């Protein structure tokens, strides 16, 4: 398979954290999310996912289901879903009813991606979960419960998800370690790996997923996705400068200082030290920065090495117009509208 054929056969999608930028409002961030969804829909992207995060000044995706409805209403054909719903924060019945409602309103367009992390700090996790104590079997059991609510066979049960029952909403498992990979394989579900911030276990997770895959009613063959960071621009120099916003955002992660996404700077000198730079660049190993031609070869290599069927990209870019342009360039790369 040629480079062009490989990219053309790979689906490409968006993960949006609904970031707040310095000097903007929460309302601006939400409007920009819808505008981004409309733009990537026109560019042929497969799906638009929003992640669940809580108690973060830099991200306003806490009411994930509400935002999914907002985006689905404002678009017409792109798949809209969660990347993901942090299942330990919610009762499976509530998730089934919420996504059943979305799928009823927007049939054939809703995805349910599920994660087992809290999507926040431990104190906030306690506030979300109240007195619930989690065990290692809770996540697998909750997934089984969700599948039961979505099945037509649940019609005679005493507890039913209405709407939701019989809709067979596509479910995806998300992970940053090997636990969810093994589970996704056993349950015959698509698997998405968070390589945009947790690269260490990417290849082990994909291998375990494929080795343990068992066909299900939803999926006959393994289907894997990988999330990456992408900062694309018309020139390498411009992309490198835009990427400093991502680096500053990552500094907030490792120092536990979460502020709205800052504007780019000419240099990171004086902002990070050598140890912090090394830590961030290792954490952000699967980050593709540059012009169209610069990232095309690297992305082709990534897809070939991982064997994933889909790449889902997140772009921490301060200027909304520049972020739209980054996704436009990425779409051109996957559509192979260029010469290698």
C-alpha atoms as a PDB file:
ATOM      1  CA  UNK A   1       0.000   0.000   0.000  1.00  0.00           C
ATOM      2  CA  UNK A   2       1.378   3.424  -0.955  1.00  0.00           C
ATOM      3  CA  UNK A   3       1.634   6.344   1.471  1.00  0.00           C
ATOM      4  CA  UNK A   4      -1.341   8.023  -0.146  1.00  0.00           C
ATOM      5  CA  UNK A   5      -3.457   4.859  -0.038  1.00  0.00           C
ATOM      6  CA  UNK A   6      -2.581   4.299   3.617  1.00  0.00           C
ATOM      7  CA  UNK A   7      -3.758   7.743   4.663  1.00  0.00           C
ATOM      8  CA  UNK A   8      -6.797   7.629   2.417  1.00  0.00           C
ATOM      9  CA  UNK A   9      -7.896   4.380   4.091  1.00  0.00           C
ATOM     10  CA  UNK A  10      -7.516   5.866   7.592  1.00  0.00           C
ATOM     11  CA  UNK A  11     -10.417   7.748   9.119  1.00  0.00           C
ATOM     12  CA  UNK A  12      -9.622  11.058  10.789  1.00  0.00           C
ATOM     13  CA  UNK A  13     -11.540  12.735  13.600  1.00  0.00           C
ATOM     14  CA  UNK A  14     -11.427  15.470  16.233  1.00  0.00           C
ATOM     15  CA  UNK A  15     -11.203  15.415  20.013  1.00  0.00           C
ATOM     16  CA  UNK A  16     -12.223  18.748  21.510  1.00  0.00           C
ATOM     17  CA  UNK A  17     -11.632  19.652  25.152  1.00  0.00           C
ATOM     18  CA  UNK A  18     -13.574  22.919  24.674  1.00  0.00           C
ATOM     19  CA  UNK A  19     -10.558  24.989  25.786  1.00  0.00           C
ATOM     20  CA  UNK A  20     -10.803  28.446  27.281  1.00  0.00           C
ATOM     21  CA  UNK A  21      -8.154  30.839  26.009  1.00  0.00           C
ATOM     22  CA  UNK A  22      -6.738  33.760  27.949  1.00  0.00           C
ATOM     23  CA  UNK A  23      -8.913  36.842  27.480  1.00  0.00           C
ATOM     24  CA  UNK A  24     -11.963  34.883  26.313  1.00  0.00           C
ATOM     25  CA  UNK A  25     -15.126  33.698  28.051  1.00  0.00           C
ATOM     26  CA  UNK A  26     -16.664  30.297  28.648  1.00  0.00           C
ATOM     27  CA  UNK A  27     -19.350  31.241  26.149  1.00  0.00           C
ATOM     28  CA  UNK A  28     -16.664  31.984  23.550  1.00  0.00           C
ATOM     29  CA  UNK A  29     -15.131  28.547  24.118  1.00  0.00           C
ATOM     30  CA  UNK A  30     -18.453  26.778  23.608  1.00  0.00           C
ATOM     31  CA  UNK A  31     -19.286  28.775  20.464  1.00  0.00           C
ATOM     32  CA  UNK A  32     -15.822  28.035  19.074  1.00  0.00           C
ATOM     33  CA  UNK A  33     -16.390  24.329  19.667  1.00  0.00           C
ATOM     34  CA  UNK A  34     -19.515  24.372  17.504  1.00  0.00           C
ATOM     35  CA  UNK A  35     -17.759  26.451  14.850  1.00  0.00           C
ATOM     36  CA  UNK A  36     -14.917  23.929  14.779  1.00  0.00           C
ATOM     37  CA  UNK A  37     -17.382  21.055  14.442  1.00  0.00           C
ATOM     38  CA  UNK A  38     -19.077  22.733  11.493  1.00  0.00           C
ATOM     39  CA  UNK A  39     -15.745  23.346   9.783  1.00  0.00           C
ATOM     40  CA  UNK A  40     -14.394  19.819  10.177  1.00  0.00           C
ATOM     41  CA  UNK A  41     -17.740  18.398   9.083  1.00  0.00           C
ATOM     42  CA  UNK A  42     -17.311  20.255   5.793  1.00  0.00           C
ATOM     43  CA  UNK A  43     -13.751  18.895   5.528  1.00  0.00           C
ATOM     44  CA  UNK A  44     -14.864  15.269   5.715  1.00  0.00           C
ATOM     45  CA  UNK A  45     -13.859  14.386   9.265  1.00  0.00           C
ATOM     46  CA  UNK A  46     -15.499  11.218  10.581  1.00  0.00           C
ATOM     47  CA  UNK A  47     -16.473  12.245  14.116  1.00  0.00           C
ATOM     48  CA  UNK A  48     -16.298  15.070  16.646  1.00  0.00           C
ATOM     49  CA  UNK A  49     -15.765  13.987  20.218  1.00  0.00           C
ATOM     50  CA  UNK A  50     -15.843  16.034  23.416  1.00  0.00           C
ATOM     51  CA  UNK A  51     -14.100  14.902  26.584  1.00  0.00           C
ATOM     52  CA  UNK A  52     -15.385  15.058  30.147  1.00  0.00           C
ATOM     53  CA  UNK A  53     -13.285  17.157  32.539  1.00  0.00           C
ATOM     54  CA  UNK A  54     -14.164  18.826  35.832  1.00  0.00           C
ATOM     55  CA  UNK A  55     -12.858  21.660  37.997  1.00  0.00           C
ATOM     56  CA  UNK A  56     -10.438  22.966  35.357  1.00  0.00           C
ATOM     57  CA  UNK A  57     -10.257  26.665  34.623  1.00  0.00           C
ATOM     58  CA  UNK A  58      -8.832  25.927  31.184  1.00  0.00           C
ATOM     59  CA  UNK A  59     -11.554  23.512  29.984  1.00  0.00           C
ATOM     60  CA  UNK A  60     -15.367  23.845  29.987  1.00  0.00           C
ATOM     61  CA  UNK A  61     -16.467  20.357  28.931  1.00  0.00           C
ATOM     62  CA  UNK A  62     -17.846  19.326  32.326  1.00  0.00           C
ATOM     63  CA  UNK A  63     -21.476  19.070  31.162  1.00  0.00           C
ATOM     64  CA  UNK A  64     -20.419  16.859  28.270  1.00  0.00           C
ATOM     65  CA  UNK A  65     -23.847  15.563  27.270  1.00  0.00           C
ATOM     66  CA  UNK A  66     -25.271  19.095  27.077  1.00  0.00           C
ATOM     67  CA  UNK A  67     -22.432  20.142  24.770  1.00  0.00           C
ATOM     68  CA  UNK A  68     -22.901  17.064  22.589  1.00  0.00           C
ATOM     69  CA  UNK A  69     -26.523  18.032  22.044  1.00  0.00           C
ATOM     70  CA  UNK A  70     -25.486  21.590  21.204  1.00  0.00           C
ATOM     71  CA  UNK A  71     -22.953  20.401  18.633  1.00  0.00           C
ATOM     72  CA  UNK A  72     -25.227  17.746  17.145  1.00  0.00           C
ATOM     73  CA  UNK A  73     -28.014  20.304  16.717  1.00  0.00           C
ATOM     74  CA  UNK A  74     -25.641  22.690  14.972  1.00  0.00           C
ATOM     75  CA  UNK A  75     -24.266  20.114  12.519  1.00  0.00           C
ATOM     76  CA  UNK A  76     -25.935  17.722  10.119  1.00  0.00           C
ATOM     77  CA  UNK A  77     -23.858  14.622   9.304  1.00  0.00           C
ATOM     78  CA  UNK A  78     -20.656  14.330  11.330  1.00  0.00           C
ATOM     79  CA  UNK A  79     -20.771  11.766  14.132  1.00  0.00           C
ATOM     80  CA  UNK A  80     -20.843  13.393  17.571  1.00  0.00           C
ATOM     81  CA  UNK A  81     -19.781  11.654  20.742  1.00  0.00           C
ATOM     82  CA  UNK A  82     -17.977  11.518  24.029  1.00  0.00           C
ATOM     83  CA  UNK A  83     -14.262  11.086  24.230  1.00  0.00           C
ATOM     84  CA  UNK A  84     -15.250  10.115  26.761  1.00  0.00           C
ATOM     85  CA  UNK A  85     -17.839   9.905  29.461  1.00  0.00           C
ATOM     86  CA  UNK A  86     -15.982   8.994  32.657  1.00  0.00           C
ATOM     87  CA  UNK A  87     -18.239   6.139  33.671  1.00  0.00           C
ATOM     88  CA  UNK A  88     -17.278   5.956  37.373  1.00  0.00           C
ATOM     89  CA  UNK A  89     -18.767   9.452  37.745  1.00  0.00           C
ATOM     90  CA  UNK A  90     -22.219   8.354  36.559  1.00  0.00           C
ATOM     91  CA  UNK A  91     -24.843   5.699  37.097  1.00  0.00           C
ATOM     92  CA  UNK A  92     -25.098   3.523  33.950  1.00  0.00           C
ATOM     93  CA  UNK A  93     -28.859   4.074  33.795  1.00  0.00           C
ATOM     94  CA  UNK A  94     -28.390   7.858  33.623  1.00  0.00           C
ATOM     95  CA  UNK A  95     -25.806   7.479  30.842  1.00  0.00           C
ATOM     96  CA  UNK A  96     -28.131   5.156  28.932  1.00  0.00           C
ATOM     97  CA  UNK A  97     -31.043   7.592  29.212  1.00  0.00           C
ATOM     98  CA  UNK A  98     -28.938  10.608  28.233  1.00  0.00           C
ATOM     99  CA  UNK A  99     -27.359   8.969  25.200  1.00  0.00           C
ATOM    100  CA  UNK A 100     -30.632   7.311  24.328  1.00  0.00           C
ATOM    101  CA  UNK A 101     -32.153  10.782  24.179  1.00  0.00           C
ATOM    102  CA  UNK A 102     -29.308  12.079  22.011  1.00  0.00           C
ATOM    103  CA  UNK A 103     -29.574   9.097  19.666  1.00  0.00           C
ATOM    104  CA  UNK A 104     -33.333   9.592  19.412  1.00  0.00           C
ATOM    105  CA  UNK A 105     -32.878  13.245  18.482  1.00  0.00           C
ATOM    106  CA  UNK A 106     -29.920  12.644  16.138  1.00  0.00           C
ATOM    107  CA  UNK A 107     -30.292   9.065  14.855  1.00  0.00           C
ATOM    108  CA  UNK A 108     -27.223   7.381  13.418  1.00  0.00           C
ATOM    109  CA  UNK A 109     -24.861  10.109  14.586  1.00  0.00           C
ATOM    110  CA  UNK A 110     -24.141   9.526  18.287  1.00  0.00           C
ATOM    111  CA  UNK A 111     -21.094   7.709  19.741  1.00  0.00           C
ATOM    112  CA  UNK A 112     -20.597   6.735  23.369  1.00  0.00           C
ATOM    113  CA  UNK A 113     -16.927   6.680  24.325  1.00  0.00           C
ATOM    114  CA  UNK A 114     -16.270   5.499  27.882  1.00  0.00           C
ATOM    115  CA  UNK A 115     -13.337   5.976  30.220  1.00  0.00           C
ATOM    116  CA  UNK A 116     -12.636   4.829  33.767  1.00  0.00           C
ATOM    117  CA  UNK A 117     -10.567   7.784  35.026  1.00  0.00           C
ATOM    118  CA  UNK A 118     -12.316  10.554  36.989  1.00  0.00           C
ATOM    119  CA  UNK A 119     -11.352  13.305  34.551  1.00  0.00           C
ATOM    120  CA  UNK A 120     -10.349  15.518  37.462  1.00  0.00           C
ATOM    121  CA  UNK A 121      -8.516  15.621  40.783  1.00  0.00           C
ATOM    122  CA  UNK A 122      -9.325  13.272  43.649  1.00  0.00           C
ATOM    123  CA  UNK A 123     -11.151  15.870  45.752  1.00  0.00           C
ATOM    124  CA  UNK A 124     -13.458  16.742  42.864  1.00  0.00           C
ATOM    125  CA  UNK A 125     -13.892  13.042  42.101  1.00  0.00           C
ATOM    126  CA  UNK A 126     -15.190  12.575  45.646  1.00  0.00           C
ATOM    127  CA  UNK A 127     -17.636  15.444  45.128  1.00  0.00           C
ATOM    128  CA  UNK A 128     -18.882  13.809  41.920  1.00  0.00           C
ATOM    129  CA  UNK A 129     -19.142  10.285  43.247  1.00  0.00           C
ATOM    130  CA  UNK A 130     -20.159  11.187  46.789  1.00  0.00           C
ATOM    131  CA  UNK A 131     -19.773   8.098  48.975  1.00  0.00           C
ATOM    132  CA  UNK A 132     -19.308   5.564  46.179  1.00  0.00           C
ATOM    133  CA  UNK A 133     -16.327   3.247  46.660  1.00  0.00           C
ATOM    134  CA  UNK A 134     -14.899   1.904  43.421  1.00  0.00           C
ATOM    135  CA  UNK A 135     -13.563  -1.608  42.859  1.00  0.00           C
ATOM    136  CA  UNK A 136     -11.657  -3.010  39.902  1.00  0.00           C
ATOM    137  CA  UNK A 137     -14.790  -4.806  38.662  1.00  0.00           C
ATOM    138  CA  UNK A 138     -17.019  -1.716  38.669  1.00  0.00           C
ATOM    139  CA  UNK A 139     -15.975  -0.516  35.213  1.00  0.00           C
ATOM    140  CA  UNK A 140     -16.496  -3.882  33.440  1.00  0.00           C
ATOM    141  CA  UNK A 141     -19.775  -4.401  35.288  1.00  0.00           C
ATOM    142  CA  UNK A 142     -21.015  -0.901  34.435  1.00  0.00           C
ATOM    143  CA  UNK A 143     -20.241  -1.484  30.750  1.00  0.00           C
ATOM    144  CA  UNK A 144     -22.236  -4.720  30.811  1.00  0.00           C
ATOM    145  CA  UNK A 145     -25.102  -2.904  32.488  1.00  0.00           C
ATOM    146  CA  UNK A 146     -25.040  -0.174  29.846  1.00  0.00           C
ATOM    147  CA  UNK A 147     -25.099  -2.716  27.025  1.00  0.00           C
ATOM    148  CA  UNK A 148     -28.075  -4.393  28.638  1.00  0.00           C
ATOM    149  CA  UNK A 149     -30.014  -1.114  28.815  1.00  0.00           C
ATOM    150  CA  UNK A 150     -29.356  -0.462  25.107  1.00  0.00           C
ATOM    151  CA  UNK A 151     -30.407  -3.960  24.016  1.00  0.00           C
ATOM    152  CA  UNK A 152     -33.844  -4.919  22.739  1.00  0.00           C
ATOM    153  CA  UNK A 153     -33.781  -7.920  25.100  1.00  0.00           C
ATOM    154  CA  UNK A 154     -34.127  -5.600  28.102  1.00  0.00           C
ATOM    155  CA  UNK A 155     -37.776  -4.917  27.258  1.00  0.00           C
ATOM    156  CA  UNK A 156     -39.018  -7.238  29.985  1.00  0.00           C
ATOM    157  CA  UNK A 157     -36.691  -5.959  32.708  1.00  0.00           C
ATOM    158  CA  UNK A 158     -37.919  -4.083  35.765  1.00  0.00           C
ATOM    159  CA  UNK A 159     -35.379  -1.285  35.101  1.00  0.00           C
ATOM    160  CA  UNK A 160     -35.306   0.067  31.553  1.00  0.00           C
ATOM    161  CA  UNK A 161     -33.669   2.998  29.751  1.00  0.00           C
ATOM    162  CA  UNK A 162     -36.367   4.942  27.939  1.00  0.00           C
ATOM    163  CA  UNK A 163     -35.321   6.299  25.504  1.00  0.00           C
ATOM    164  CA  UNK A 164     -32.268   4.192  24.806  1.00  0.00           C
ATOM    165  CA  UNK A 165     -33.606   0.662  24.791  1.00  0.00           C
ATOM    166  CA  UNK A 166     -33.105  -1.093  21.456  1.00  0.00           C
ATOM    167  CA  UNK A 167     -30.999   1.683  19.955  1.00  0.00           C
ATOM    168  CA  UNK A 168     -27.691  -0.226  20.137  1.00  0.00           C
ATOM    169  CA  UNK A 169     -25.673   2.959  20.375  1.00  0.00           C
ATOM    170  CA  UNK A 170     -22.023   2.370  19.331  1.00  0.00           C
ATOM    171  CA  UNK A 171     -19.776   2.131  22.378  1.00  0.00           C
ATOM    172  CA  UNK A 172     -16.011   2.713  22.456  1.00  0.00           C
ATOM    173  CA  UNK A 173     -13.585   2.081  25.295  1.00  0.00           C
ATOM    174  CA  UNK A 174     -10.910   4.686  25.947  1.00  0.00           C
ATOM    175  CA  UNK A 175      -7.681   4.121  27.786  1.00  0.00           C
ATOM    176  CA  UNK A 176      -4.165   5.253  28.588  1.00  0.00           C
ATOM    177  CA  UNK A 177      -2.962   1.898  29.932  1.00  0.00           C
ATOM    178  CA  UNK A 178      -3.383  -1.775  29.098  1.00  0.00           C
ATOM    179  CA  UNK A 179      -6.411  -2.409  31.358  1.00  0.00           C
ATOM    180  CA  UNK A 180      -9.030  -0.968  29.003  1.00  0.00           C
ATOM    181  CA  UNK A 181      -7.260  -2.478  25.989  1.00  0.00           C
ATOM    182  CA  UNK A 182      -7.704  -5.988  27.352  1.00  0.00           C
ATOM    183  CA  UNK A 183     -11.297  -5.234  28.364  1.00  0.00           C
ATOM    184  CA  UNK A 184     -12.208  -3.706  24.990  1.00  0.00           C
ATOM    185  CA  UNK A 185     -10.879  -6.802  23.254  1.00  0.00           C
ATOM    186  CA  UNK A 186     -12.796  -9.191  25.486  1.00  0.00           C
ATOM    187  CA  UNK A 187     -16.038  -7.258  25.014  1.00  0.00           C
ATOM    188  CA  UNK A 188     -15.593  -6.822  21.262  1.00  0.00           C
ATOM    189  CA  UNK A 189     -15.658  -3.021  21.352  1.00  0.00           C
ATOM    190  CA  UNK A 190     -13.661  -0.413  19.433  1.00  0.00           C
ATOM    191  CA  UNK A 191     -10.669   0.865  21.389  1.00  0.00           C
ATOM    192  CA  UNK A 192      -9.187   4.380  21.479  1.00  0.00           C
ATOM    193  CA  UNK A 193      -5.808   5.014  23.103  1.00  0.00           C
ATOM    194  CA  UNK A 194      -4.864   8.371  24.654  1.00  0.00           C
ATOM    195  CA  UNK A 195      -1.417   8.615  23.084  1.00  0.00           C
ATOM    196  CA  UNK A 196      -1.697  12.411  23.016  1.00  0.00           C
ATOM    197  CA  UNK A 197      -0.670  12.547  26.674  1.00  0.00           C
ATOM    198  CA  UNK A 198       0.194   8.957  27.694  1.00  0.00           C
ATOM    199  CA  UNK A 199       2.432   7.496  24.990  1.00  0.00           C
ATOM    200  CA  UNK A 200       4.282   4.858  27.020  1.00  0.00           C
ATOM    201  CA  UNK A 201       1.828   1.968  26.640  1.00  0.00           C
ATOM    202  CA  UNK A 202       0.533   2.676  23.138  1.00  0.00           C
ATOM    203  CA  UNK A 203       1.973  -0.340  21.338  1.00  0.00           C
ATOM    204  CA  UNK A 204       1.462  -2.776  24.230  1.00  0.00           C
ATOM    205  CA  UNK A 205      -2.167  -1.665  24.540  1.00  0.00           C
ATOM    206  CA  UNK A 206      -2.861  -2.077  20.825  1.00  0.00           C
ATOM    207  CA  UNK A 207      -1.225  -5.513  20.821  1.00  0.00           C
ATOM    208  CA  UNK A 208      -3.223  -6.684  23.838  1.00  0.00           C
ATOM    209  CA  UNK A 209      -6.429  -5.353  22.348  1.00  0.00           C
ATOM    210  CA  UNK A 210      -5.933  -7.291  19.116  1.00  0.00           C
ATOM    211  CA  UNK A 211      -4.765 -10.469  20.857  1.00  0.00           C
ATOM    212  CA  UNK A 212      -7.775 -10.525  23.183  1.00  0.00           C
ATOM    213  CA  UNK A 213     -10.412  -9.410  20.691  1.00  0.00           C
ATOM    214  CA  UNK A 214     -13.602 -11.435  20.539  1.00  0.00           C
ATOM    215  CA  UNK A 215     -16.243 -10.606  17.919  1.00  0.00           C
ATOM    216  CA  UNK A 216     -19.437  -9.042  19.246  1.00  0.00           C
ATOM    217  CA  UNK A 217     -22.792  -7.917  17.914  1.00  0.00           C
ATOM    218  CA  UNK A 218     -21.273  -4.453  17.471  1.00  0.00           C
ATOM    219  CA  UNK A 219     -17.918  -5.371  15.953  1.00  0.00           C
ATOM    220  CA  UNK A 220     -16.640  -8.362  13.973  1.00  0.00           C
ATOM    221  CA  UNK A 221     -12.996  -7.271  13.682  1.00  0.00           C
ATOM    222  CA  UNK A 222     -10.744  -5.169  15.961  1.00  0.00           C
ATOM    223  CA  UNK A 223     -11.076  -1.438  15.426  1.00  0.00           C
ATOM    224  CA  UNK A 224      -8.445   0.765  17.026  1.00  0.00           C
ATOM    225  CA  UNK A 225      -8.004   4.510  17.260  1.00  0.00           C
ATOM    226  CA  UNK A 226      -5.130   6.644  18.525  1.00  0.00           C
ATOM    227  CA  UNK A 227      -5.367  10.219  19.746  1.00  0.00           C
ATOM    228  CA  UNK A 228      -2.537  12.588  18.827  1.00  0.00           C
ATOM    229  CA  UNK A 229      -1.688  16.267  19.164  1.00  0.00           C
ATOM    230  CA  UNK A 230      -1.537  18.195  15.906  1.00  0.00           C
ATOM    231  CA  UNK A 231      -0.284  21.742  15.383  1.00  0.00           C
ATOM    232  CA  UNK A 232      -0.324  22.398  11.646  1.00  0.00           C
ATOM    233  CA  UNK A 233       0.306  25.692   9.876  1.00  0.00           C
ATOM    234  CA  UNK A 234       1.340  26.989   6.478  1.00  0.00           C
ATOM    235  CA  UNK A 235       5.023  27.018   7.496  1.00  0.00           C
ATOM    236  CA  UNK A 236       7.098  25.014   9.954  1.00  0.00           C
ATOM    237  CA  UNK A 237       8.157  28.220  11.668  1.00  0.00           C
ATOM    238  CA  UNK A 238       4.581  29.314  12.258  1.00  0.00           C
ATOM    239  CA  UNK A 239       3.627  25.869  13.571  1.00  0.00           C
ATOM    240  CA  UNK A 240       6.570  25.842  15.962  1.00  0.00           C
ATOM    241  CA  UNK A 241       5.443  29.153  17.395  1.00  0.00           C
ATOM    242  CA  UNK A 242       1.812  28.043  17.727  1.00  0.00           C
ATOM    243  CA  UNK A 243       3.004  24.935  19.575  1.00  0.00           C
ATOM    244  CA  UNK A 244       4.304  27.034  22.473  1.00  0.00           C
ATOM    245  CA  UNK A 245       0.701  27.367  23.674  1.00  0.00           C
ATOM    246  CA  UNK A 246       0.539  23.558  23.910  1.00  0.00           C
ATOM    247  CA  UNK A 247       3.828  23.488  25.794  1.00  0.00           C
ATOM    248  CA  UNK A 248       2.589  26.090  28.255  1.00  0.00           C
ATOM    249  CA  UNK A 249      -0.627  24.100  28.693  1.00  0.00           C
ATOM    250  CA  UNK A 250       1.465  20.997  29.423  1.00  0.00           C
ATOM    251  CA  UNK A 251       3.470  22.983  31.970  1.00  0.00           C
ATOM    252  CA  UNK A 252       0.205  23.517  33.812  1.00  0.00           C
ATOM    253  CA  UNK A 253      -0.369  19.756  33.877  1.00  0.00           C
ATOM    254  CA  UNK A 254       3.006  18.878  35.387  1.00  0.00           C
ATOM    255  CA  UNK A 255       2.954  21.804  37.854  1.00  0.00           C
ATOM    256  CA  UNK A 256      -0.780  21.404  38.664  1.00  0.00           C
ATOM    257  CA  UNK A 257      -1.452  25.029  37.745  1.00  0.00           C
ATOM    258  CA  UNK A 258      -4.420  24.996  35.338  1.00  0.00           C
ATOM    259  CA  UNK A 259      -5.068  28.329  33.652  1.00  0.00           C
ATOM    260  CA  UNK A 260      -6.745  29.282  30.368  1.00  0.00           C
ATOM    261  CA  UNK A 261      -4.717  28.459  27.264  1.00  0.00           C
ATOM    262  CA  UNK A 262      -2.081  31.194  26.829  1.00  0.00           C
ATOM    263  CA  UNK A 263      -1.052  32.884  23.582  1.00  0.00           C
ATOM    264  CA  UNK A 264       2.069  31.616  21.808  1.00  0.00           C
ATOM    265  CA  UNK A 265       5.483  33.037  22.624  1.00  0.00           C
ATOM    266  CA  UNK A 266       8.657  33.445  20.590  1.00  0.00           C
ATOM    267  CA  UNK A 267      10.633  31.156  22.877  1.00  0.00           C
ATOM    268  CA  UNK A 268      10.041  28.846  25.820  1.00  0.00           C
ATOM    269  CA  UNK A 269      13.302  29.933  27.433  1.00  0.00           C
ATOM    270  CA  UNK A 270      12.623  31.140  30.947  1.00  0.00           C
ATOM    271  CA  UNK A 271       9.248  29.350  30.982  1.00  0.00           C
ATOM    272  CA  UNK A 272      10.525  25.795  31.357  1.00  0.00           C
ATOM    273  CA  UNK A 273      13.800  24.304  32.467  1.00  0.00           C
ATOM    274  CA  UNK A 274      15.606  21.401  30.801  1.00  0.00           C
ATOM    275  CA  UNK A 275      13.998  18.767  33.010  1.00  0.00           C
ATOM    276  CA  UNK A 276      10.505  20.153  32.401  1.00  0.00           C
ATOM    277  CA  UNK A 277      11.121  20.368  28.660  1.00  0.00           C
ATOM    278  CA  UNK A 278      12.239  16.740  28.561  1.00  0.00           C
ATOM    279  CA  UNK A 279       9.235  15.616  30.616  1.00  0.00           C
ATOM    280  CA  UNK A 280       6.751  17.506  28.445  1.00  0.00           C
ATOM    281  CA  UNK A 281       8.248  16.378  25.137  1.00  0.00           C
ATOM    282  CA  UNK A 282       8.193  12.795  26.344  1.00  0.00           C
ATOM    283  CA  UNK A 283       4.576  13.129  27.508  1.00  0.00           C
ATOM    284  CA  UNK A 284       3.675  14.782  24.191  1.00  0.00           C
ATOM    285  CA  UNK A 285       5.736  12.314  22.124  1.00  0.00           C
ATOM    286  CA  UNK A 286       2.976  11.832  19.590  1.00  0.00           C
ATOM    287  CA  UNK A 287       2.675  15.482  18.680  1.00  0.00           C
ATOM    288  CA  UNK A 288       2.852  16.429  15.009  1.00  0.00           C
ATOM    289  CA  UNK A 289       3.995  19.991  14.413  1.00  0.00           C
ATOM    290  CA  UNK A 290       4.703  21.646  11.076  1.00  0.00           C
ATOM    291  CA  UNK A 291       3.490  22.395   7.597  1.00  0.00           C
ATOM    292  CA  UNK A 292       1.436  19.980   5.510  1.00  0.00           C
ATOM    293  CA  UNK A 293       4.431  18.334   3.902  1.00  0.00           C
ATOM    294  CA  UNK A 294       6.316  18.151   7.193  1.00  0.00           C
ATOM    295  CA  UNK A 295       3.617  16.270   9.097  1.00  0.00           C
ATOM    296  CA  UNK A 296       2.466  14.058   6.201  1.00  0.00           C
ATOM    297  CA  UNK A 297       5.435  11.714   6.273  1.00  0.00           C
ATOM    298  CA  UNK A 298       5.438  11.466  10.083  1.00  0.00           C
ATOM    299  CA  UNK A 299       1.714  10.756  10.185  1.00  0.00           C
ATOM    300  CA  UNK A 300       2.055   8.076   7.523  1.00  0.00           C
ATOM    301  CA  UNK A 301       4.791   6.422   9.579  1.00  0.00           C
ATOM    302  CA  UNK A 302       2.635   6.626  12.711  1.00  0.00           C
ATOM    303  CA  UNK A 303      -0.363   4.998  11.018  1.00  0.00           C
ATOM    304  CA  UNK A 304       1.829   2.305   9.455  1.00  0.00           C
ATOM    305  CA  UNK A 305       3.558   1.475  12.745  1.00  0.00           C
ATOM    306  CA  UNK A 306       0.423   1.413  14.896  1.00  0.00           C
ATOM    307  CA  UNK A 307      -1.959  -0.177  12.406  1.00  0.00           C
ATOM    308  CA  UNK A 308      -4.833   1.949  13.710  1.00  0.00           C
ATOM    309  CA  UNK A 309      -7.932   2.377  11.594  1.00  0.00           C
ATOM    310  CA  UNK A 310      -8.557   5.921  12.794  1.00  0.00           C
ATOM    311  CA  UNK A 311      -6.593   8.905  14.069  1.00  0.00           C
ATOM    312  CA  UNK A 312      -8.317  11.405  16.331  1.00  0.00           C
ATOM    313  CA  UNK A 313      -6.562  14.738  16.705  1.00  0.00           C
ATOM    314  CA  UNK A 314      -6.598  17.399  19.398  1.00  0.00           C
ATOM    315  CA  UNK A 315      -5.107  20.849  18.765  1.00  0.00           C
ATOM    316  CA  UNK A 316      -4.236  23.191  21.619  1.00  0.00           C
ATOM    317  CA  UNK A 317      -3.967  26.391  19.565  1.00  0.00           C
ATOM    318  CA  UNK A 318      -4.655  29.817  21.042  1.00  0.00           C
ATOM    319  CA  UNK A 319      -6.094  31.614  18.015  1.00  0.00           C
ATOM    320  CA  UNK A 320      -9.371  30.108  16.826  1.00  0.00           C
ATOM    321  CA  UNK A 321      -8.659  30.932  13.186  1.00  0.00           C
ATOM    322  CA  UNK A 322      -5.272  29.226  13.423  1.00  0.00           C
ATOM    323  CA  UNK A 323      -6.925  26.180  14.999  1.00  0.00           C
ATOM    324  CA  UNK A 324      -9.404  25.956  12.131  1.00  0.00           C
ATOM    325  CA  UNK A 325      -6.513  26.229   9.684  1.00  0.00           C
ATOM    326  CA  UNK A 326      -4.632  23.450  11.481  1.00  0.00           C
ATOM    327  CA  UNK A 327      -7.552  21.065  11.033  1.00  0.00           C
ATOM    328  CA  UNK A 328      -7.934  22.165   7.425  1.00  0.00           C
ATOM    329  CA  UNK A 329      -4.300  21.243   6.760  1.00  0.00           C
ATOM    330  CA  UNK A 330      -4.679  17.932   8.584  1.00  0.00           C
ATOM    331  CA  UNK A 331      -7.727  17.137   6.460  1.00  0.00           C
ATOM    332  CA  UNK A 332      -5.675  17.827   3.335  1.00  0.00           C
ATOM    333  CA  UNK A 333      -2.995  15.453   4.582  1.00  0.00           C
ATOM    334  CA  UNK A 334      -5.456  12.592   5.080  1.00  0.00           C
ATOM    335  CA  UNK A 335      -7.211  13.310   1.818  1.00  0.00           C
ATOM    336  CA  UNK A 336      -3.780  13.195   0.153  1.00  0.00           C
ATOM    337  CA  UNK A 337      -4.422  16.428  -1.709  1.00  0.00           C
ATOM    338  CA  UNK A 338      -0.669  17.008  -2.128  1.00  0.00           C
ATOM    339  CA  UNK A 339       2.449  15.415  -3.541  1.00  0.00           C
ATOM    340  CA  UNK A 340       4.874  13.547  -1.320  1.00  0.00           C
END
